[in-house]
Amino acid sequence: MEVEQEGLVEHQPLEQDDLNFEKWKPKPKPKRTLHEKIDDVKTYLWNAETKEFMGRSGKSWSLILLFYSALYIFLAAMFGGCMCCLMWSISPYTPTYNDRVMPPGLTMSPHVDTAHGFDIAFNASDRSSWKKYAKALEAQLRSYDDALQERRNIICEGNTYFMQDDMVESAERNACLFKRSWLGECSGMKDKDFGYSKGKPCILLKMNRILGYLPGLGVAVNVTCGLKKGSTDNLGEVLYYPYNTFNMRYYPYYGKLRHVNYSSPLVAVRFTGVQYDTHLHVQCKLNGKGIINDSPTDRFLGSVSFTLEVGA
């Protein structure tokens, strides 16, 4: 009977006051004043009682600084060691791996409007329309001035590769001179307008520099320019200066550290009979052994295309 009575006591219903859940809610903390908050911040920054700065003692801060100093010194030393090993293992003069170097690309000048590609459009009678092209060609040829070339480089003859592999790797290589005057009507020496004022524009072609590359595999690479579509009569006669070939004596190229005064050979092209007020699509291509000029993915590999429109 006593057990049953105890069970009855345990299962007695809750009083009405117990169902008032409001009294179980936590009491709101009193709002702290700005002065108290400032005091808490001051205490956090420096606790005069415990002698702690930002919650840590001087010993704790010393251990932390020692640990991170050692860590970053180790990481810096490891990085420096890796860079030293890397720089020691590679040559500043020749790339370690160059077996995937593509055949040379072909670039042209003038190229004054990078947003719209290689477009040449002007009126022969309007100086303001072609002045930018003449200015770009003059800037390109400034380093090819005859006096400058004679002072920096040496006279070379023949049409064979100028091999200088028997020299010490770090020794400076000689470079064959390439005179501006060799470009004839496109040199800008006789005609400062490069033919644009006469409706007979000039362009300059140059192969990309590839270290150690021997273009043509023993036979000089040549250049041809023509229309991609349309009648060839619209383009007229095409003249090349000094020749339509890249002489082999300017190769191989040994890099800017050793071939300090190297000047890339140029081929100047002059279009003497362009049909006026006709939009022409012109393509200049390299031709030779090992040359690729019909890549579907790289339009500058071995060739360059541009539009030409000449007005009276």
Protein backbone atom coordinates (compact mmCIF):
# COMPACT_ATOMS: atom_id res chain seq x y z
CA MET A 1 0.00 0.00 0.00
CA GLU A 2 2.83 2.40 0.80
CA VAL A 3 4.41 1.77 -2.59
CA GLU A 4 1.16 2.46 -4.37
CA GLN A 5 0.73 5.70 -2.42
CA GLU A 6 4.22 6.83 -3.36
CA GLY A 7 3.42 6.15 -7.02
CA LEU A 8 0.29 8.21 -6.69
CA VAL A 9 2.34 11.07 -5.28
CA GLU A 10 4.79 10.88 -8.14
CA HIS A 11 2.06 11.06 -10.79
CA GLN A 12 0.14 13.90 -9.32
CA PRO A 13 -0.88 16.47 -11.95
CA LEU A 14 1.12 19.72 -12.32
CA GLU A 15 -0.08 22.75 -10.55
CA GLN A 16 -1.38 25.67 -12.57
CA ASP A 17 1.64 27.70 -11.52
CA ASP A 18 3.95 25.08 -13.00
CA LEU A 19 2.34 25.55 -16.41
CA ASN A 20 3.39 29.18 -16.47
CA PHE A 21 6.37 28.89 -18.81
CA GLU A 22 7.21 32.56 -18.61
CA LYS A 23 8.90 32.03 -15.29
CA TRP A 24 11.25 29.45 -16.84
CA LYS A 25 12.59 31.88 -19.46
CA PRO A 26 16.06 33.25 -18.69
CA LYS A 27 15.99 36.68 -17.27
CA PRO A 28 17.39 39.33 -19.65
CA LYS A 29 20.83 40.55 -18.81
CA PRO A 30 21.03 44.16 -17.80
CA LYS A 31 22.28 46.44 -20.56
CA ARG A 32 25.88 47.42 -20.20
CA THR A 33 26.86 51.00 -20.47
CA LEU A 34 29.44 52.30 -22.88
CA HIS A 35 31.79 53.00 -20.03
CA GLU A 36 31.60 49.36 -18.86
CA LYS A 37 32.27 48.10 -22.39
CA ILE A 38 35.32 50.33 -22.66
CA ASP A 39 36.57 49.02 -19.33
CA ASP A 40 36.18 45.44 -20.58
CA VAL A 41 38.23 46.23 -23.67
CA LYS A 42 40.93 47.84 -21.57
CA THR A 43 40.98 44.80 -19.30
CA TYR A 44 41.27 42.50 -22.31
CA LEU A 45 44.17 44.46 -23.74
CA TRP A 46 45.97 44.64 -20.42
CA ASN A 47 44.93 42.90 -17.24
CA ALA A 48 46.89 44.49 -14.43
CA GLU A 49 45.88 41.80 -11.93
CA THR A 50 47.06 38.78 -13.96
CA LYS A 51 49.70 40.67 -15.99
CA GLU A 52 48.21 39.40 -19.25
CA PHE A 53 48.13 41.09 -22.63
CA MET A 54 45.14 40.12 -24.79
CA GLY A 55 44.45 37.13 -22.60
CA ARG A 56 47.99 35.73 -22.68
CA SER A 57 50.92 36.03 -20.37
CA GLY A 58 54.36 37.17 -21.49
CA LYS A 59 55.64 33.61 -21.49
CA SER A 60 52.75 32.45 -23.67
CA TRP A 61 53.38 35.22 -26.19
CA SER A 62 57.10 34.47 -26.24
CA LEU A 63 56.48 30.81 -27.03
CA ILE A 64 54.04 31.70 -29.81
CA LEU A 65 56.45 34.19 -31.40
CA LEU A 66 59.32 31.70 -31.13
CA PHE A 67 57.29 28.94 -32.74
CA TYR A 68 56.08 31.00 -35.72
CA SER A 69 59.48 32.62 -36.21
CA ALA A 70 61.10 29.20 -36.42
CA LEU A 71 58.34 27.95 -38.74
CA TYR A 72 58.62 30.80 -41.24
CA ILE A 73 62.41 30.81 -41.14
CA PHE A 74 62.33 27.11 -42.00
CA LEU A 75 59.84 27.64 -44.83
CA ALA A 76 61.87 30.55 -46.24
CA ALA A 77 65.06 28.51 -46.08
CA MET A 78 63.39 25.56 -47.79
CA PHE A 79 62.02 27.81 -50.55
CA GLY A 80 65.41 29.48 -51.01
CA GLY A 81 67.13 26.11 -51.18
CA CYS A 82 64.68 24.85 -53.80
CA MET A 83 65.17 27.98 -55.91
CA CYS A 84 68.97 27.67 -55.66
CA CYS A 85 68.83 24.05 -56.78
CA LEU A 86 66.53 24.98 -59.66
CA MET A 87 68.67 27.88 -60.84
CA TRP A 88 71.82 25.79 -60.49
CA SER A 89 70.36 22.99 -62.62
CA ILE A 90 69.22 25.13 -65.58
CA SER A 91 71.20 27.23 -68.02
CA PRO A 92 70.39 30.93 -68.51
CA TYR A 93 71.47 30.64 -72.13
CA THR A 94 69.64 27.61 -73.51
CA PRO A 95 66.35 25.98 -72.47
CA THR A 96 66.61 22.53 -70.94
CA TYR A 97 63.79 21.16 -73.08
CA ASN A 98 62.99 22.61 -76.50
CA ASP A 99 61.87 19.52 -78.39
CA ARG A 100 58.30 20.85 -78.62
CA VAL A 101 59.16 24.22 -80.14
CA MET A 102 56.88 24.88 -83.08
CA PRO A 103 58.10 26.06 -86.50
CA PRO A 104 58.44 29.84 -86.76
CA GLY A 105 55.57 32.24 -87.06
CA LEU A 106 55.47 35.21 -89.40
CA THR A 107 54.76 38.76 -88.26
CA MET A 108 54.26 41.95 -90.19
CA SER A 109 54.56 45.68 -89.75
CA PRO A 110 52.81 48.11 -89.73
CA HIS A 111 50.41 46.85 -87.09
CA VAL A 112 48.85 49.87 -85.48
CA ASP A 113 45.32 48.76 -84.57
CA THR A 114 45.50 45.69 -82.33
CA ALA A 115 41.74 45.72 -81.74
CA HIS A 116 40.87 45.08 -85.40
CA GLY A 117 43.79 42.86 -86.39
CA PHE A 118 46.03 43.44 -89.40
CA ASP A 119 44.07 45.94 -91.44
CA ILE A 120 45.60 48.51 -93.79
CA ALA A 121 43.14 51.01 -95.22
CA PHE A 122 43.97 54.51 -96.43
CA ASN A 123 43.55 57.10 -99.16
CA ALA A 124 46.73 57.99 -101.00
CA SER A 125 45.77 61.67 -101.20
CA ASP A 126 44.88 61.91 -97.49
CA ARG A 127 48.08 62.10 -95.46
CA SER A 128 46.27 61.72 -92.14
CA SER A 129 44.92 58.31 -93.22
CA TRP A 130 48.34 56.72 -93.82
CA LYS A 131 50.67 58.75 -91.60
CA LYS A 132 50.31 56.20 -88.75
CA TYR A 133 51.53 53.39 -91.03
CA ALA A 134 54.61 55.32 -92.15
CA LYS A 135 55.36 56.23 -88.54
CA ALA A 136 55.15 52.58 -87.44
CA LEU A 137 57.51 51.47 -90.21
CA GLU A 138 60.00 54.21 -89.36
CA ALA A 139 60.03 53.09 -85.71
CA GLN A 140 60.55 49.47 -86.78
CA LEU A 141 63.53 50.34 -88.99
CA ARG A 142 65.28 52.72 -86.61
CA SER A 143 67.49 49.94 -85.20
CA TYR A 144 68.46 48.94 -88.77
CA ASP A 145 70.11 52.26 -89.65
CA ASP A 146 73.24 51.61 -91.69
CA ALA A 147 75.64 53.44 -89.37
CA LEU A 148 74.27 51.68 -86.30
CA GLN A 149 74.47 48.26 -87.92
CA GLU A 150 78.07 48.83 -89.09
CA ARG A 151 79.07 49.83 -85.57
CA ARG A 152 77.41 46.92 -83.77
CA ASN A 153 77.57 43.97 -86.14
CA ILE A 154 79.90 42.33 -88.62
CA ILE A 155 79.77 41.88 -92.40
CA CYS A 156 78.79 38.35 -93.43
CA GLU A 157 78.76 36.83 -96.88
CA GLY A 158 77.28 33.73 -98.41
CA ASN A 159 74.07 31.88 -97.69
CA THR A 160 75.07 29.33 -95.06
CA TYR A 161 74.32 29.03 -91.37
CA PHE A 162 76.57 31.11 -89.13
CA MET A 163 77.44 28.44 -86.54
CA GLN A 164 79.22 29.59 -83.37
CA ASP A 165 78.78 26.52 -81.16
CA ASP A 166 82.53 26.09 -80.59
CA MET A 167 82.65 29.13 -78.31
CA VAL A 168 82.28 29.16 -74.53
CA GLU A 169 78.60 28.98 -73.61
CA SER A 170 78.56 32.41 -71.95
CA ALA A 171 80.60 34.13 -74.69
CA GLU A 172 78.89 36.83 -76.70
CA ARG A 173 78.15 35.78 -80.29
CA ASN A 174 78.73 37.90 -83.35
CA ALA A 175 75.73 39.01 -85.35
CA CYS A 176 75.57 39.70 -89.07
CA LEU A 177 74.54 43.20 -89.99
CA PHE A 178 71.33 43.92 -91.84
CA LYS A 179 71.30 47.38 -93.40
CA ARG A 180 68.18 49.43 -93.79
CA SER A 181 69.32 50.58 -97.21
CA TRP A 182 68.99 47.03 -98.52
CA LEU A 183 65.21 47.41 -98.41
CA GLY A 184 65.29 49.71 -101.43
CA GLU A 185 62.01 51.55 -102.05
CA CYS A 186 60.71 50.31 -98.70
CA SER A 187 63.67 51.53 -96.63
CA GLY A 188 62.17 54.94 -95.97
CA MET A 189 65.45 56.58 -96.97
CA LYS A 190 64.44 57.70 -100.45
CA ASP A 191 60.71 57.75 -99.87
CA LYS A 192 59.81 58.85 -96.33
CA ASP A 193 56.20 57.86 -96.98
CA PHE A 194 57.06 54.21 -97.74
CA GLY A 195 54.95 54.38 -100.91
CA TYR A 196 51.68 55.16 -99.15
CA SER A 197 51.37 58.63 -100.70
CA LYS A 198 51.59 56.99 -104.15
CA GLY A 199 49.13 54.20 -103.40
CA LYS A 200 51.98 51.66 -103.45
CA PRO A 201 52.27 50.60 -99.80
CA CYS A 202 55.14 48.69 -98.21
CA ILE A 203 55.04 46.17 -95.39
CA LEU A 204 57.81 44.42 -93.46
CA LEU A 205 57.86 40.69 -92.76
CA LYS A 206 59.89 38.98 -90.05
CA MET A 207 60.17 35.44 -88.74
CA ASN A 208 59.80 34.85 -85.02
CA ARG A 209 63.04 34.19 -83.18
CA ILE A 210 63.53 30.61 -82.01
CA LEU A 211 66.70 29.84 -80.10
CA GLY A 212 68.94 27.41 -82.00
CA TYR A 213 66.46 26.94 -84.84
CA LEU A 214 67.79 26.35 -88.37
CA PRO A 215 65.01 27.34 -90.78
CA GLY A 216 64.78 25.52 -94.07
CA LEU A 217 67.04 22.63 -93.00
CA GLY A 218 69.85 23.80 -95.27
CA VAL A 219 67.77 25.62 -97.88
CA ALA A 220 66.78 29.26 -97.46
CA VAL A 221 63.14 29.87 -96.57
CA ASN A 222 61.29 32.10 -99.03
CA VAL A 223 58.20 34.31 -98.80
CA THR A 224 55.28 34.65 -101.20
CA CYS A 225 52.37 37.08 -100.95
CA GLY A 226 49.09 36.81 -102.80
CA LEU A 227 45.34 37.09 -102.53
CA LYS A 228 43.44 34.53 -100.50
CA LYS A 229 40.50 34.95 -102.86
CA GLY A 230 39.66 37.05 -105.88
CA SER A 231 41.49 37.99 -109.06
CA THR A 232 45.26 38.43 -108.77
CA ASP A 233 44.99 41.45 -111.08
CA ASN A 234 43.48 43.42 -108.17
CA LEU A 235 46.75 43.09 -106.26
CA GLY A 236 49.07 43.89 -109.14
CA GLU A 237 52.82 43.34 -109.13
CA VAL A 238 54.47 42.42 -105.82
CA LEU A 239 58.10 43.42 -105.24
CA TYR A 240 60.40 42.02 -102.52
CA TYR A 241 63.43 43.71 -100.95
CA PRO A 242 66.25 42.81 -100.74
CA TYR A 243 65.02 39.36 -101.83
CA ASN A 244 62.03 37.17 -101.06
CA THR A 245 64.21 34.85 -98.94
CA PHE A 246 65.55 34.88 -95.39
CA ASN A 247 69.29 34.44 -95.75
CA MET A 248 70.64 31.55 -93.68
CA ARG A 249 73.64 33.52 -92.40
CA TYR A 250 71.37 35.11 -89.75
CA TYR A 251 70.75 31.74 -88.13
CA PRO A 252 70.88 30.15 -85.64
CA TYR A 253 69.81 32.65 -83.02
CA TYR A 254 71.65 32.24 -79.69
CA GLY A 255 69.37 34.19 -77.37
CA LYS A 256 69.37 37.78 -76.11
CA LEU A 257 72.07 37.12 -73.48
CA ARG A 258 74.62 35.98 -76.06
CA HIS A 259 73.30 37.52 -79.30
CA VAL A 260 73.16 40.98 -77.78
CA ASN A 261 73.14 42.98 -81.01
CA TYR A 262 71.22 40.47 -83.12
CA SER A 263 68.95 41.99 -85.76
CA SER A 264 66.32 39.76 -87.31
CA PRO A 265 66.45 39.73 -91.11
CA LEU A 266 63.54 41.43 -92.86
CA VAL A 267 61.73 41.03 -96.14
CA ALA A 268 60.05 44.19 -97.38
CA VAL A 269 57.05 43.74 -99.67
CA ARG A 270 55.72 46.49 -101.92
CA PHE A 271 52.37 46.31 -103.69
CA THR A 272 52.76 48.45 -106.78
CA GLY A 273 49.48 47.94 -108.62
CA VAL A 274 46.70 47.67 -106.06
CA GLN A 275 43.22 48.19 -107.51
CA TYR A 276 41.76 51.29 -105.87
CA ASP A 277 38.67 51.07 -103.66
CA THR A 278 38.81 47.28 -103.53
CA HIS A 279 38.79 45.32 -100.27
CA LEU A 280 41.54 42.71 -100.62
CA HIS A 281 42.40 39.77 -98.39
CA VAL A 282 46.16 39.26 -98.65
CA GLN A 283 48.21 36.41 -97.25
CA CYS A 284 52.00 36.14 -97.01
CA LYS A 285 53.43 32.68 -96.38
CA LEU A 286 56.76 31.12 -95.52
CA ASN A 287 57.84 28.27 -97.78
CA GLY A 288 60.59 25.79 -97.02
CA LYS A 289 61.51 22.49 -95.43
CA GLY A 290 60.03 22.01 -91.97
CA ILE A 291 57.76 25.05 -92.37
CA ILE A 292 54.04 24.82 -91.56
CA ASN A 293 51.94 27.54 -93.21
CA ASP A 294 48.46 26.03 -93.29
CA SER A 295 47.66 25.44 -89.62
CA PRO A 296 43.87 25.54 -88.98
CA THR A 297 44.38 26.57 -85.33
CA ASP A 298 47.21 29.15 -85.49
CA ARG A 299 46.84 31.77 -88.22
CA PHE A 300 50.30 33.20 -87.51
CA LEU A 301 52.16 29.90 -87.84
CA GLY A 302 54.21 30.27 -91.01
CA SER A 303 51.87 32.87 -92.48
CA VAL A 304 50.18 36.17 -91.82
CA SER A 305 46.93 37.48 -93.29
CA PHE A 306 45.70 41.05 -93.50
CA THR A 307 43.22 43.20 -95.39
CA LEU A 308 44.35 45.91 -97.77
CA GLU A 309 42.20 48.69 -99.16
CA VAL A 310 43.69 51.64 -101.03
CA GLY A 311 41.72 54.68 -102.06
CA ALA A 312 42.70 57.48 -104.35
